[in-house]
Amino acid sequence: MTTRPRSVTRARAVAAGGLTATLLLLLTACGAAGGNDRTEGDGPQTTFKIGYTAGSILDEKLAKEVAKLAPDHGITVEPVQIEDSKLKNLAVSQGDIDANHSQHQEWMRVQNEDGNLGL
């Protein structure tokens, strides 16, 4: 019997958790009131642009995996490469993308205060 190193198993679990969380975020947004102008008729938004940081293999892979799974849930996800991680929240604020997934609450707070983003 062969076993995988604990670090590989943990990395896969973390990646799967991040993928699931991102997909749930998008599915939740589908049912949210309002949204941006990318809607089909009067129904909920079904196409989302999700930003990922250029050069971050994990960030890119997560965005592209979500894009592969999203059609099974009736939505389309378009991964969008953002050159600088500081620009992802600005892109959300300006409506260029709908979401990004690689931050924690403190980073979001600082970005909102420094950029007056209103997110």
PDB file of N, CA and C in Angstrom:
ATOM      1  N   MET A   1       0.842  -1.172   0.000  1.00  0.00           N
ATOM      2  CA  MET A   1       0.000   0.000   0.000  1.00  0.00           C
ATOM      3  C   MET A   1       0.892   1.242   0.000  1.00  0.00           C
ATOM      4  N   THR A   2       0.573   2.179  -0.885  1.00  0.00           N
ATOM      5  CA  THR A   2       1.319   3.435  -0.925  1.00  0.00           C
ATOM      6  C   THR A   2       0.451   4.540  -0.365  1.00  0.00           C
ATOM      7  N   THR A   3       1.078   5.439   0.322  1.00  0.00           N
ATOM      8  CA  THR A   3       0.353   6.594   0.858  1.00  0.00           C
ATOM      9  C   THR A   3       1.004   7.853   0.332  1.00  0.00           C
ATOM     10  N   ARG A   4       0.205   8.856   0.204  1.00  0.00           N
ATOM     11  CA  ARG A   4       0.703  10.146  -0.258  1.00  0.00           C
ATOM     12  C   ARG A   4       1.264  10.903   0.927  1.00  0.00           C
ATOM     13  N   PRO A   5       2.271  11.732   0.671  1.00  0.00           N
ATOM     14  CA  PRO A   5       2.779  12.571   1.757  1.00  0.00           C
ATOM     15  C   PRO A   5       1.665  13.453   2.307  1.00  0.00           C
ATOM     16  N   ARG A   6       1.691  13.693   3.586  1.00  0.00           N
ATOM     17  CA  ARG A   6       0.664  14.487   4.251  1.00  0.00           C
ATOM     18  C   ARG A   6       0.521  15.872   3.624  1.00  0.00           C
ATOM     19  N   SER A   7       1.636  16.461   3.171  1.00  0.00           N
ATOM     20  CA  SER A   7       1.585  17.808   2.589  1.00  0.00           C
ATOM     21  C   SER A   7       0.800  17.825   1.282  1.00  0.00           C
ATOM     22  N   VAL A   8       0.888  16.749   0.482  1.00  0.00           N
ATOM     23  CA  VAL A   8       0.136  16.682  -0.773  1.00  0.00           C
ATOM     24  C   VAL A   8      -1.351  16.564  -0.468  1.00  0.00           C
ATOM     25  N   THR A   9      -1.689  15.720   0.479  1.00  0.00           N
ATOM     26  CA  THR A   9      -3.087  15.547   0.864  1.00  0.00           C
ATOM     27  C   THR A   9      -3.660  16.848   1.415  1.00  0.00           C
ATOM     28  N   ARG A  10      -2.903  17.520   2.266  1.00  0.00           N
ATOM     29  CA  ARG A  10      -3.356  18.789   2.846  1.00  0.00           C
ATOM     30  C   ARG A  10      -3.517  19.843   1.757  1.00  0.00           C
ATOM     31  N   ALA A  11      -2.578  19.911   0.818  1.00  0.00           N
ATOM     32  CA  ALA A  11      -2.661  20.897  -0.264  1.00  0.00           C
ATOM     33  C   ALA A  11      -3.899  20.669  -1.116  1.00  0.00           C
ATOM     34  N   ARG A  12      -4.199  19.412  -1.395  1.00  0.00           N
ATOM     35  CA  ARG A  12      -5.405  19.111  -2.174  1.00  0.00           C
ATOM     36  C   ARG A  12      -6.665  19.480  -1.413  1.00  0.00           C
ATOM     37  N   ALA A  13      -6.670  19.227  -0.124  1.00  0.00           N
ATOM     38  CA  ALA A  13      -7.831  19.570   0.698  1.00  0.00           C
ATOM     39  C   ALA A  13      -8.035  21.082   0.728  1.00  0.00           C
ATOM     40  N   VAL A  14      -6.951  21.833   0.868  1.00  0.00           N
ATOM     41  CA  VAL A  14      -7.043  23.296   0.883  1.00  0.00           C
ATOM     42  C   VAL A  14      -7.543  23.797  -0.470  1.00  0.00           C
ATOM     43  N   ALA A  15      -7.006  23.254  -1.552  1.00  0.00           N
ATOM     44  CA  ALA A  15      -7.431  23.672  -2.892  1.00  0.00           C
ATOM     45  C   ALA A  15      -8.907  23.348  -3.115  1.00  0.00           C
ATOM     46  N   ALA A  16      -9.330  22.163  -2.696  1.00  0.00           N
ATOM     47  CA  ALA A  16     -10.732  21.777  -2.854  1.00  0.00           C
ATOM     48  C   ALA A  16     -11.639  22.694  -2.031  1.00  0.00           C
ATOM     49  N   GLY A  17     -11.200  23.037  -0.823  1.00  0.00           N
ATOM     50  CA  GLY A  17     -11.985  23.942   0.014  1.00  0.00           C
ATOM     51  C   GLY A  17     -12.108  25.318  -0.607  1.00  0.00           C
ATOM     52  N   GLY A  18     -11.010  25.819  -1.153  1.00  0.00           N
ATOM     53  CA  GLY A  18     -11.038  27.128  -1.810  1.00  0.00           C
ATOM     54  C   GLY A  18     -11.927  27.124  -3.037  1.00  0.00           C
ATOM     55  N   LEU A  19     -11.854  26.042  -3.797  1.00  0.00           N
ATOM     56  CA  LEU A  19     -12.682  25.896  -4.991  1.00  0.00           C
ATOM     57  C   LEU A  19     -14.156  25.878  -4.611  1.00  0.00           C
ATOM     58  N   THR A  20     -14.480  25.119  -3.592  1.00  0.00           N
ATOM     59  CA  THR A  20     -15.863  25.031  -3.135  1.00  0.00           C
ATOM     60  C   THR A  20     -16.360  26.382  -2.634  1.00  0.00           C
ATOM     61  N   ALA A  21     -15.541  27.065  -1.856  1.00  0.00           N
ATOM     62  CA  ALA A  21     -15.938  28.372  -1.319  1.00  0.00           C
ATOM     63  C   ALA A  21     -16.176  29.382  -2.436  1.00  0.00           C
ATOM     64  N   THR A  22     -15.315  29.376  -3.442  1.00  0.00           N
ATOM     65  CA  THR A  22     -15.473  30.309  -4.555  1.00  0.00           C
ATOM     66  C   THR A  22     -16.742  30.014  -5.334  1.00  0.00           C
ATOM     67  N   LEU A  23     -17.002  28.743  -5.597  1.00  0.00           N
ATOM     68  CA  LEU A  23     -18.208  28.374  -6.327  1.00  0.00           C
ATOM     69  C   LEU A  23     -19.452  28.751  -5.527  1.00  0.00           C
ATOM     70  N   LEU A  24     -19.428  28.524  -4.215  1.00  0.00           N
ATOM     71  CA  LEU A  24     -20.564  28.911  -3.379  1.00  0.00           C
ATOM     72  C   LEU A  24     -20.774  30.415  -3.388  1.00  0.00           C
ATOM     73  N   LEU A  25     -19.677  31.178  -3.372  1.00  0.00           N
ATOM     74  CA  LEU A  25     -19.783  32.632  -3.445  1.00  0.00           C
ATOM     75  C   LEU A  25     -20.493  33.048  -4.724  1.00  0.00           C
ATOM     76  N   LEU A  26     -20.118  32.446  -5.834  1.00  0.00           N
ATOM     77  CA  LEU A  26     -20.734  32.799  -7.104  1.00  0.00           C
ATOM     78  C   LEU A  26     -22.187  32.370  -7.157  1.00  0.00           C
ATOM     79  N   LEU A  27     -22.487  31.190  -6.621  1.00  0.00           N
ATOM     80  CA  LEU A  27     -23.869  30.732  -6.612  1.00  0.00           C
ATOM     81  C   LEU A  27     -24.732  31.619  -5.734  1.00  0.00           C
ATOM     82  N   THR A  28     -24.186  32.065  -4.622  1.00  0.00           N
ATOM     83  CA  THR A  28     -24.906  32.977  -3.741  1.00  0.00           C
ATOM     84  C   THR A  28     -25.165  34.295  -4.458  1.00  0.00           C
ATOM     85  N   ALA A  29     -24.169  34.775  -5.177  1.00  0.00           N
ATOM     86  CA  ALA A  29     -24.322  36.033  -5.914  1.00  0.00           C
ATOM     87  C   ALA A  29     -25.391  35.920  -6.990  1.00  0.00           C
ATOM     88  N   CYS A  30     -25.564  34.729  -7.540  1.00  0.00           N
ATOM     89  CA  CYS A  30     -26.603  34.531  -8.559  1.00  0.00           C
ATOM     90  C   CYS A  30     -27.983  34.854  -8.015  1.00  0.00           C
ATOM     91  N   GLY A  31     -28.202  34.527  -6.759  1.00  0.00           N
ATOM     92  CA  GLY A  31     -29.512  34.754  -6.174  1.00  0.00           C
ATOM     93  C   GLY A  31     -29.656  36.113  -5.523  1.00  0.00           C
ATOM     94  N   ALA A  32     -28.569  36.869  -5.458  1.00  0.00           N
ATOM     95  CA  ALA A  32     -28.621  38.163  -4.786  1.00  0.00           C
ATOM     96  C   ALA A  32     -29.396  39.180  -5.616  1.00  0.00           C
ATOM     97  N   ALA A  33     -30.048  40.085  -4.927  1.00  0.00           N
ATOM     98  CA  ALA A  33     -30.746  41.162  -5.633  1.00  0.00           C
ATOM     99  C   ALA A  33     -29.724  42.140  -6.178  1.00  0.00           C
ATOM    100  N   GLY A  34     -30.090  42.847  -7.209  1.00  0.00           N
ATOM    101  CA  GLY A  34     -29.187  43.850  -7.775  1.00  0.00           C
ATOM    102  C   GLY A  34     -28.195  43.199  -8.704  1.00  0.00           C
ATOM    103  N   GLY A  35     -26.918  43.533  -8.540  1.00  0.00           N
ATOM    104  CA  GLY A  35     -25.895  42.993  -9.417  1.00  0.00           C
ATOM    105  C   GLY A  35     -25.504  44.024 -10.438  1.00  0.00           C
ATOM    106  N   ASN A  36     -24.671  43.614 -11.381  1.00  0.00           N
ATOM    107  CA  ASN A  36     -24.242  44.560 -12.403  1.00  0.00           C
ATOM    108  C   ASN A  36     -25.050  44.362 -13.669  1.00  0.00           C
ATOM    109  N   ASP A  37     -24.592  44.918 -14.760  1.00  0.00           N
ATOM    110  CA  ASP A  37     -25.372  44.893 -15.984  1.00  0.00           C
ATOM    111  C   ASP A  37     -25.230  43.607 -16.789  1.00  0.00           C
ATOM    112  N   ARG A  38     -24.469  42.639 -16.322  1.00  0.00           N
ATOM    113  CA  ARG A  38     -24.319  41.388 -17.056  1.00  0.00           C
ATOM    114  C   ARG A  38     -25.400  40.398 -16.613  1.00  0.00           C
ATOM    115  N   THR A  39     -26.621  40.624 -17.060  1.00  0.00           N
ATOM    116  CA  THR A  39     -27.733  39.746 -16.722  1.00  0.00           C
ATOM    117  C   THR A  39     -28.387  39.269 -18.003  1.00  0.00           C
ATOM    118  N   GLU A  40     -29.163  38.239 -17.863  1.00  0.00           N
ATOM    119  CA  GLU A  40     -29.932  37.738 -18.995  1.00  0.00           C
ATOM    120  C   GLU A  40     -31.400  37.971 -18.675  1.00  0.00           C
ATOM    121  N   GLY A  41     -32.030  38.870 -19.381  1.00  0.00           N
ATOM    122  CA  GLY A  41     -33.422  39.186 -19.124  1.00  0.00           C
ATOM    123  C   GLY A  41     -33.606  39.759 -17.736  1.00  0.00           C
ATOM    124  N   ASP A  42     -34.691  39.376 -17.103  1.00  0.00           N
ATOM    125  CA  ASP A  42     -34.978  39.870 -15.758  1.00  0.00           C
ATOM    126  C   ASP A  42     -34.507  38.900 -14.685  1.00  0.00           C
ATOM    127  N   GLY A  43     -33.941  37.779 -15.073  1.00  0.00           N
ATOM    128  CA  GLY A  43     -33.493  36.771 -14.116  1.00  0.00           C
ATOM    129  C   GLY A  43     -32.168  37.143 -13.476  1.00  0.00           C
ATOM    130  N   PRO A  44     -31.683  36.259 -12.621  1.00  0.00           N
ATOM    131  CA  PRO A  44     -30.410  36.525 -11.938  1.00  0.00           C
ATOM    132  C   PRO A  44     -29.230  36.488 -12.895  1.00  0.00           C
ATOM    133  N   GLN A  45     -28.163  37.103 -12.473  1.00  0.00           N
ATOM    134  CA  GLN A  45     -26.929  37.111 -13.259  1.00  0.00           C
ATOM    135  C   GLN A  45     -26.431  35.683 -13.430  1.00  0.00           C
ATOM    136  N   THR A  46     -26.034  35.313 -14.635  1.00  0.00           N
ATOM    137  CA  THR A  46     -25.557  33.953 -14.878  1.00  0.00           C
ATOM    138  C   THR A  46     -24.143  33.916 -15.432  1.00  0.00           C
ATOM    139  N   THR A  47     -23.542  35.065 -15.700  1.00  0.00           N
ATOM    140  CA  THR A  47     -22.165  35.125 -16.175  1.00  0.00           C
ATOM    141  C   THR A  47     -21.358  36.012 -15.237  1.00  0.00           C
ATOM    142  N   PHE A  48     -20.240  35.471 -14.760  1.00  0.00           N
ATOM    143  CA  PHE A  48     -19.395  36.185 -13.816  1.00  0.00           C
ATOM    144  C   PHE A  48     -17.962  36.237 -14.313  1.00  0.00           C
ATOM    145  N   LYS A  49     -17.318  37.371 -14.104  1.00  0.00           N
ATOM    146  CA  LYS A  49     -15.891  37.503 -14.359  1.00  0.00           C
ATOM    147  C   LYS A  49     -15.192  37.443 -13.012  1.00  0.00           C
ATOM    148  N   ILE A  50     -14.256  36.493 -12.876  1.00  0.00           N
ATOM    149  CA  ILE A  50     -13.528  36.350 -11.622  1.00  0.00           C
ATOM    150  C   ILE A  50     -12.052  36.637 -11.866  1.00  0.00           C
ATOM    151  N   GLY A  51     -11.496  37.552 -11.091  1.00  0.00           N
ATOM    152  CA  GLY A  51     -10.112  37.961 -11.274  1.00  0.00           C
ATOM    153  C   GLY A  51      -9.131  37.040 -10.571  1.00  0.00           C
ATOM    154  N   TYR A  52      -8.014  36.816 -11.229  1.00  0.00           N
ATOM    155  CA  TYR A  52      -6.912  36.075 -10.607  1.00  0.00           C
ATOM    156  C   TYR A  52      -5.622  36.833 -10.872  1.00  0.00           C
ATOM    157  N   THR A  53      -4.662  36.672  -9.955  1.00  0.00           N
ATOM    158  CA  THR A  53      -3.411  37.404 -10.044  1.00  0.00           C
ATOM    159  C   THR A  53      -2.453  36.744 -11.025  1.00  0.00           C
ATOM    160  N   ALA A  54      -1.907  37.538 -11.942  1.00  0.00           N
ATOM    161  CA  ALA A  54      -0.903  37.042 -12.882  1.00  0.00           C
ATOM    162  C   ALA A  54       0.293  36.523 -12.092  1.00  0.00           C
ATOM    163  N   GLY A  55       0.791  35.374 -12.478  1.00  0.00           N
ATOM    164  CA  GLY A  55       1.965  34.804 -11.831  1.00  0.00           C
ATOM    165  C   GLY A  55       1.657  33.916 -10.647  1.00  0.00           C
ATOM    166  N   SER A  56       0.424  33.920 -10.166  1.00  0.00           N
ATOM    167  CA  SER A  56       0.034  33.046  -9.058  1.00  0.00           C
ATOM    168  C   SER A  56      -0.606  31.790  -9.635  1.00  0.00           C
ATOM    169  N   ILE A  57       0.148  30.701  -9.617  1.00  0.00           N
ATOM    170  CA  ILE A  57      -0.332  29.452 -10.200  1.00  0.00           C
ATOM    171  C   ILE A  57      -1.595  28.979  -9.490  1.00  0.00           C
ATOM    172  N   LEU A  58      -1.605  29.024  -8.169  1.00  0.00           N
ATOM    173  CA  LEU A  58      -2.777  28.569  -7.419  1.00  0.00           C
ATOM    174  C   LEU A  58      -3.985  29.450  -7.696  1.00  0.00           C
ATOM    175  N   ASP A  59      -3.796  30.759  -7.707  1.00  0.00           N
ATOM    176  CA  ASP A  59      -4.869  31.704  -7.979  1.00  0.00           C
ATOM    177  C   ASP A  59      -5.488  31.437  -9.354  1.00  0.00           C
ATOM    178  N   GLU A  60      -4.629  31.270 -10.353  1.00  0.00           N
ATOM    179  CA  GLU A  60      -5.104  31.015 -11.715  1.00  0.00           C
ATOM    180  C   GLU A  60      -5.816  29.676 -11.806  1.00  0.00           C
ATOM    181  N   LYS A  61      -5.215  28.646 -11.219  1.00  0.00           N
ATOM    182  CA  LYS A  61      -5.814  27.310 -11.295  1.00  0.00           C
ATOM    183  C   LYS A  61      -7.185  27.289 -10.630  1.00  0.00           C
ATOM    184  N   LEU A  62      -7.305  27.940  -9.486  1.00  0.00           N
ATOM    185  CA  LEU A  62      -8.582  27.982  -8.787  1.00  0.00           C
ATOM    186  C   LEU A  62      -9.646  28.668  -9.638  1.00  0.00           C
ATOM    187  N   ALA A  63      -9.317  29.804 -10.229  1.00  0.00           N
ATOM    188  CA  ALA A  63     -10.282  30.521 -11.069  1.00  0.00           C
ATOM    189  C   ALA A  63     -10.696  29.671 -12.268  1.00  0.00           C
ATOM    190  N   LYS A  64      -9.752  28.974 -12.869  1.00  0.00           N
ATOM    191  CA  LYS A  64     -10.062  28.160 -14.048  1.00  0.00           C
ATOM    192  C   LYS A  64     -10.835  26.893 -13.684  1.00  0.00           C
ATOM    193  N   GLU A  65     -10.580  26.333 -12.523  1.00  0.00           N
ATOM    194  CA  GLU A  65     -11.344  25.162 -12.080  1.00  0.00           C
ATOM    195  C   GLU A  65     -12.788  25.549 -11.775  1.00  0.00           C
ATOM    196  N   VAL A  66     -12.981  26.709 -11.153  1.00  0.00           N
ATOM    197  CA  VAL A  66     -14.337  27.194 -10.900  1.00  0.00           C
ATOM    198  C   VAL A  66     -15.060  27.387 -12.230  1.00  0.00           C
ATOM    199  N   ALA A  67     -14.353  27.922 -13.227  1.00  0.00           N
ATOM    200  CA  ALA A  67     -14.954  28.126 -14.552  1.00  0.00           C
ATOM    201  C   ALA A  67     -15.387  26.800 -15.176  1.00  0.00           C
ATOM    202  N   LYS A  68     -14.647  25.736 -14.913  1.00  0.00           N
ATOM    203  CA  LYS A  68     -15.010  24.417 -15.445  1.00  0.00           C
ATOM    204  C   LYS A  68     -16.255  23.852 -14.754  1.00  0.00           C
ATOM    205  N   LEU A  69     -16.388  24.078 -13.442  1.00  0.00           N
ATOM    206  CA  LEU A  69     -17.494  23.514 -12.671  1.00  0.00           C
ATOM    207  C   LEU A  69     -18.776  24.336 -12.753  1.00  0.00           C
ATOM    208  N   ALA A  70     -18.649  25.625 -12.963  1.00  0.00           N
ATOM    209  CA  ALA A  70     -19.799  26.528 -12.907  1.00  0.00           C
ATOM    210  C   ALA A  70     -20.941  26.154 -13.858  1.00  0.00           C
ATOM    211  N   PRO A  71     -20.677  25.728 -15.107  1.00  0.00           N
ATOM    212  CA  PRO A  71     -21.787  25.396 -16.000  1.00  0.00           C
ATOM    213  C   PRO A  71     -22.698  24.290 -15.464  1.00  0.00           C
ATOM    214  N   ASP A  72     -22.163  23.409 -14.625  1.00  0.00           N
ATOM    215  CA  ASP A  72     -22.998  22.372 -14.007  1.00  0.00           C
ATOM    216  C   ASP A  72     -24.063  22.977 -13.091  1.00  0.00           C
ATOM    217  N   HIS A  73     -23.862  24.238 -12.709  1.00  0.00           N
ATOM    218  CA  HIS A  73     -24.784  24.929 -11.817  1.00  0.00           C
ATOM    219  C   HIS A  73     -25.524  26.062 -12.527  1.00  0.00           C
ATOM    220  N   GLY A  74     -25.458  26.060 -13.855  1.00  0.00           N
ATOM    221  CA  GLY A  74     -26.217  27.026 -14.640  1.00  0.00           C
ATOM    222  C   GLY A  74     -25.608  28.405 -14.753  1.00  0.00           C
ATOM    223  N   ILE A  75     -24.314  28.522 -14.463  1.00  0.00           N
ATOM    224  CA  ILE A  75     -23.661  29.821 -14.593  1.00  0.00           C
ATOM    225  C   ILE A  75     -22.385  29.676 -15.415  1.00  0.00           C
ATOM    226  N   THR A  76     -21.909  30.796 -15.886  1.00  0.00           N
ATOM    227  CA  THR A  76     -20.666  30.833 -16.653  1.00  0.00           C
ATOM    228  C   THR A  76     -19.683  31.711 -15.895  1.00  0.00           C
ATOM    229  N   VAL A  77     -18.457  31.239 -15.774  1.00  0.00           N
ATOM    230  CA  VAL A  77     -17.405  32.014 -15.120  1.00  0.00           C
ATOM    231  C   VAL A  77     -16.307  32.265 -16.127  1.00  0.00           C
ATOM    232  N   GLU A  78     -15.922  33.523 -16.256  1.00  0.00           N
ATOM    233  CA  GLU A  78     -14.834  33.914 -17.144  1.00  0.00           C
ATOM    234  C   GLU A  78     -13.647  34.361 -16.288  1.00  0.00           C
ATOM    235  N   PRO A  79     -12.570  33.566 -16.240  1.00  0.00           N
ATOM    236  CA  PRO A  79     -11.375  33.996 -15.506  1.00  0.00           C
ATOM    237  C   PRO A  79     -10.724  35.194 -16.196  1.00  0.00           C
ATOM    238  N   VAL A  80     -10.336  36.192 -15.414  1.00  0.00           N
ATOM    239  CA  VAL A  80      -9.712  37.405 -15.947  1.00  0.00           C
ATOM    240  C   VAL A  80      -8.398  37.619 -15.206  1.00  0.00           C
ATOM    241  N   GLN A  81      -7.311  37.678 -15.960  1.00  0.00           N
ATOM    242  CA  GLN A  81      -5.997  37.896 -15.351  1.00  0.00           C
ATOM    243  C   GLN A  81      -5.826  39.363 -14.983  1.00  0.00           C
ATOM    244  N   ILE A  82      -5.421  39.602 -13.732  1.00  0.00           N
ATOM    245  CA  ILE A  82      -5.142  40.943 -13.226  1.00  0.00           C
ATOM    246  C   ILE A  82      -3.653  40.982 -12.900  1.00  0.00           C
ATOM    247  N   GLU A  83      -2.949  41.966 -13.405  1.00  0.00           N
ATOM    248  CA  GLU A  83      -1.492  42.012 -13.275  1.00  0.00           C
ATOM    249  C   GLU A  83      -0.990  42.199 -11.849  1.00  0.00           C
ATOM    250  N   ASP A  84      -1.716  42.922 -11.016  1.00  0.00           N
ATOM    251  CA  ASP A  84      -1.255  43.230  -9.672  1.00  0.00           C
ATOM    252  C   ASP A  84      -2.378  42.904  -8.695  1.00  0.00           C
ATOM    253  N   SER A  85      -2.070  42.171  -7.638  1.00  0.00           N
ATOM    254  CA  SER A  85      -3.110  41.775  -6.683  1.00  0.00           C
ATOM    255  C   SER A  85      -3.801  42.981  -6.055  1.00  0.00           C
ATOM    256  N   LYS A  86      -3.132  44.108  -5.969  1.00  0.00           N
ATOM    257  CA  LYS A  86      -3.760  45.310  -5.408  1.00  0.00           C
ATOM    258  C   LYS A  86      -4.850  45.851  -6.323  1.00  0.00           C
ATOM    259  N   LEU A  87      -4.821  45.480  -7.592  1.00  0.00           N
ATOM    260  CA  LEU A  87      -5.791  45.995  -8.551  1.00  0.00           C
ATOM    261  C   LEU A  87      -7.070  45.174  -8.627  1.00  0.00           C
ATOM    262  N   LYS A  88      -7.074  43.986  -8.016  1.00  0.00           N
ATOM    263  CA  LYS A  88      -8.269  43.135  -8.110  1.00  0.00           C
ATOM    264  C   LYS A  88      -9.479  43.772  -7.434  1.00  0.00           C
ATOM    265  N   ASN A  89      -9.303  44.328  -6.245  1.00  0.00           N
ATOM    266  CA  ASN A  89     -10.433  44.968  -5.570  1.00  0.00           C
ATOM    267  C   ASN A  89     -10.882  46.221  -6.314  1.00  0.00           C
ATOM    268  N   LEU A  90      -9.937  46.949  -6.883  1.00  0.00           N
ATOM    269  CA  LEU A  90     -10.292  48.120  -7.683  1.00  0.00           C
ATOM    270  C   LEU A  90     -11.130  47.689  -8.889  1.00  0.00           C
ATOM    271  N   ALA A  91     -10.736  46.587  -9.526  1.00  0.00           N
ATOM    272  CA  ALA A  91     -11.485  46.080 -10.680  1.00  0.00           C
ATOM    273  C   ALA A  91     -12.906  45.679 -10.277  1.00  0.00           C
ATOM    274  N   VAL A  92     -13.075  45.097  -9.089  1.00  0.00           N
ATOM    275  CA  VAL A  92     -14.418  44.765  -8.597  1.00  0.00           C
ATOM    276  C   VAL A  92     -15.201  46.046  -8.356  1.00  0.00           C
ATOM    277  N   SER A  93     -14.574  47.011  -7.703  1.00  0.00           N
ATOM    278  CA  SER A  93     -15.227  48.275  -7.388  1.00  0.00           C
ATOM    279  C   SER A  93     -15.699  49.002  -8.641  1.00  0.00           C
ATOM    280  N   GLN A  94     -14.910  48.926  -9.707  1.00  0.00           N
ATOM    281  CA  GLN A  94     -15.247  49.613 -10.955  1.00  0.00           C
ATOM    282  C   GLN A  94     -16.159  48.796 -11.866  1.00  0.00           C
ATOM    283  N   GLY A  95     -16.468  47.538 -11.468  1.00  0.00           N
ATOM    284  CA  GLY A  95     -17.361  46.702 -12.259  1.00  0.00           C
ATOM    285  C   GLY A  95     -16.685  45.984 -13.412  1.00  0.00           C
ATOM    286  N   ASP A  96     -15.340  46.016 -13.472  1.00  0.00           N
ATOM    287  CA  ASP A  96     -14.630  45.327 -14.549  1.00  0.00           C
ATOM    288  C   ASP A  96     -14.659  43.808 -14.356  1.00  0.00           C
ATOM    289  N   ILE A  97     -14.677  43.368 -13.096  1.00  0.00           N
ATOM    290  CA  ILE A  97     -14.840  41.956 -12.761  1.00  0.00           C
ATOM    291  C   ILE A  97     -15.886  41.879 -11.655  1.00  0.00           C
ATOM    292  N   ASP A  98     -16.425  40.681 -11.454  1.00  0.00           N
ATOM    293  CA  ASP A  98     -17.479  40.516 -10.458  1.00  0.00           C
ATOM    294  C   ASP A  98     -16.959  40.051  -9.110  1.00  0.00           C
ATOM    295  N   ALA A  99     -15.820  39.368  -9.110  1.00  0.00           N
ATOM    296  CA  ALA A  99     -15.315  38.805  -7.857  1.00  0.00           C
ATOM    297  C   ALA A  99     -13.837  38.503  -7.972  1.00  0.00           C
ATOM    298  N   ASN A 100     -13.219  38.355  -6.802  1.00  0.00           N
ATOM    299  CA  ASN A 100     -11.901  37.758  -6.690  1.00  0.00           C
ATOM    300  C   ASN A 100     -11.922  36.990  -5.386  1.00  0.00           C
ATOM    301  N   HIS A 101     -11.002  36.085  -5.194  1.00  0.00           N
ATOM    302  CA  HIS A 101     -11.131  35.173  -4.062  1.00  0.00           C
ATOM    303  C   HIS A 101      -9.915  35.113  -3.155  1.00  0.00           C
ATOM    304  N   SER A 102      -8.890  35.843  -3.445  1.00  0.00           N
ATOM    305  CA  SER A 102      -7.633  35.636  -2.724  1.00  0.00           C
ATOM    306  C   SER A 102      -7.317  36.780  -1.782  1.00  0.00           C
ATOM    307  N   GLN A 103      -8.055  36.859  -0.682  1.00  0.00           N
ATOM    308  CA  GLN A 103      -7.764  37.868   0.315  1.00  0.00           C
ATOM    309  C   GLN A 103      -8.385  37.459   1.646  1.00  0.00           C
ATOM    310  N   HIS A 104      -7.980  38.154   2.675  1.00  0.00           N
ATOM    311  CA  HIS A 104      -8.580  37.937   3.982  1.00  0.00           C
ATOM    312  C   HIS A 104      -9.196  39.253   4.436  1.00  0.00           C
ATOM    313  N   GLN A 105      -9.909  39.224   5.541  1.00  0.00           N
ATOM    314  CA  GLN A 105     -10.670  40.400   5.972  1.00  0.00           C
ATOM    315  C   GLN A 105      -9.791  41.629   6.198  1.00  0.00           C
ATOM    316  N   GLU A 106      -8.630  41.446   6.783  1.00  0.00           N
ATOM    317  CA  GLU A 106      -7.767  42.601   7.059  1.00  0.00           C
ATOM    318  C   GLU A 106      -7.309  43.267   5.757  1.00  0.00           C
ATOM    319  N   TRP A 107      -6.933  42.464   4.754  1.00  0.00           N
ATOM    320  CA  TRP A 107      -6.527  43.021   3.451  1.00  0.00           C
ATOM    321  C   TRP A 107      -7.691  43.779   2.823  1.00  0.00           C
ATOM    322  N   MET A 108      -8.882  43.216   2.913  1.00  0.00           N
ATOM    323  CA  MET A 108     -10.061  43.862   2.353  1.00  0.00           C
ATOM    324  C   MET A 108     -10.325  45.192   3.063  1.00  0.00           C
ATOM    325  N   ARG A 109     -10.183  45.215   4.386  1.00  0.00           N
ATOM    326  CA  ARG A 109     -10.388  46.442   5.144  1.00  0.00           C
ATOM    327  C   ARG A 109      -9.399  47.522   4.706  1.00  0.00           C
ATOM    328  N   VAL A 110      -8.124  47.158   4.607  1.00  0.00           N
ATOM    329  CA  VAL A 110      -7.090  48.113   4.206  1.00  0.00           C
ATOM    330  C   VAL A 110      -7.350  48.623   2.788  1.00  0.00           C
ATOM    331  N   GLN A 111      -7.683  47.709   1.879  1.00  0.00           N
ATOM    332  CA  GLN A 111      -7.970  48.102   0.494  1.00  0.00           C
ATOM    333  C   GLN A 111      -9.143  49.080   0.437  1.00  0.00           C
ATOM    334  N   ASN A 112     -10.196  48.802   1.199  1.00  0.00           N
ATOM    335  CA  ASN A 112     -11.360  49.692   1.218  1.00  0.00           C
ATOM    336  C   ASN A 112     -11.008  51.069   1.755  1.00  0.00           C
ATOM    337  N   GLU A 113     -10.234  51.094   2.828  1.00  0.00           N
ATOM    338  CA  GLU A 113      -9.868  52.383   3.423  1.00  0.00           C
ATOM    339  C   GLU A 113      -8.913  53.162   2.519  1.00  0.00           C
ATOM    340  N   ASP A 114      -7.870  52.490   2.026  1.00  0.00           N
ATOM    341  CA  ASP A 114      -6.863  53.182   1.206  1.00  0.00           C
ATOM    342  C   ASP A 114      -7.432  53.637  -0.138  1.00  0.00           C
ATOM    343  N   GLY A 115      -8.259  52.791  -0.743  1.00  0.00           N
ATOM    344  CA  GLY A 115      -8.769  53.118  -2.077  1.00  0.00           C
ATOM    345  C   GLY A 115     -10.162  53.695  -2.085  1.00  0.00           C
ATOM    346  N   ASN A 116     -10.792  53.801  -0.889  1.00  0.00           N
ATOM    347  CA  ASN A 116     -12.162  54.299  -0.819  1.00  0.00           C
ATOM    348  C   ASN A 116     -13.050  53.549  -1.802  1.00  0.00           C
ATOM    349  N   LEU A 117     -12.975  52.203  -1.759  1.00  0.00           N
ATOM    350  CA  LEU A 117     -13.631  51.365  -2.756  1.00  0.00           C
ATOM    351  C   LEU A 117     -15.104  51.090  -2.489  1.00  0.00           C
ATOM    352  N   GLY A 118     -15.509  51.102  -1.235  1.00  0.00           N
ATOM    353  CA  GLY A 118     -16.905  50.844  -0.927  1.00  0.00           C
ATOM    354  C   GLY A 118     -17.305  49.386  -1.104  1.00  0.00           C
ATOM    355  N   LEU A 119     -16.370  48.477  -0.933  1.00  0.00           N
ATOM    356  CA  LEU A 119     -16.703  47.055  -1.063  1.00  0.00           C
ATOM    357  C   LEU A 119     -16.995  46.466   0.295  1.00  0.00           C
TER     358      LEU A 119
END
